[in-house]
Amino acid sequence: MDFSFGHFPVDLILFALVAAFLVLRLRSVLGRRVGFQPAPMPVPQHPDTAGKVIDGKAEQVPAAAEYDIPAPGTRVGQLLAEVQAQEAGFTPQQFLAGAQEAFRQVVKAFAEGDRATLQARLTPAVYASFEAAIAARDAAGEKQRSEIQAIRSLAIEDVRLVKLDVGTGAAIDVRIVSDQVSLLVDAQGQPVTGTDAVTEFSDLWTFERLLGVSGTGWRLASARSA
């Protein structure tokens, strides 16, 4: 059978077209697989959160607590200015730093039954209630486990000034938000209240002192959940 067309074999033309088609297909496949590919994005390195290493040991660096201080033009801000006018060296920032340290000390002292620290940090009425709770806990053979993992924020909520016969008394309410492990276990080590999981706590602590009188300091006068 004659497949020629104009003295040129048609079958060769068909074979050439098929070959060209295969070459193009192969080239397209290879171009996708071995051609230039977008460079992969580098994986960002996370900062070291384990803290500084001193003598081969990791030192955990706690995050700084956020301080919330009322603006000078507000009612509470004006009362803070009055406290500052009557108490040498007082600043809201310094006060909150002291409240933060007191919070750590009181929580730890209550868990450990450290009455001496509590007596130095609490007003007599509040110490009496804390001491009664410790005594009842000891009598029942219970133990308190309290660990502050982080103190997130301290905010001055309110300020009250009271005129007394011996001077001016000041009370400052501070809302403290913290992450804690708080668990009370019985004599057999079984949980009574709380949990061993890290939990966020929001507490309202009130600190009091007599302004302008040497030898006095801020003491915890009230503590409750908020």
Foldseek 3Di string as FASTA:
>chain_A
DQCDDPNHRPVVVVVVVVVVVVVVVVVVVCCVVPNDDDDDDDDDDDDDQQDDADPNRGDHDADDAAEAEDDCVDPQNVVQVVLCVQAPPDDSVVVVVVVVVLVVQVQVCLQVVVLVSQVQAADPVVSVVSNVVSVVCVVQQKGKDKDWPHWHYKYWDHKDWDQDPVAIKIKIKIKTKTWMFIFMATNVRHTDDGHRDTDIFIKIWMWMWGTNDPPIDTHTYDMDGD
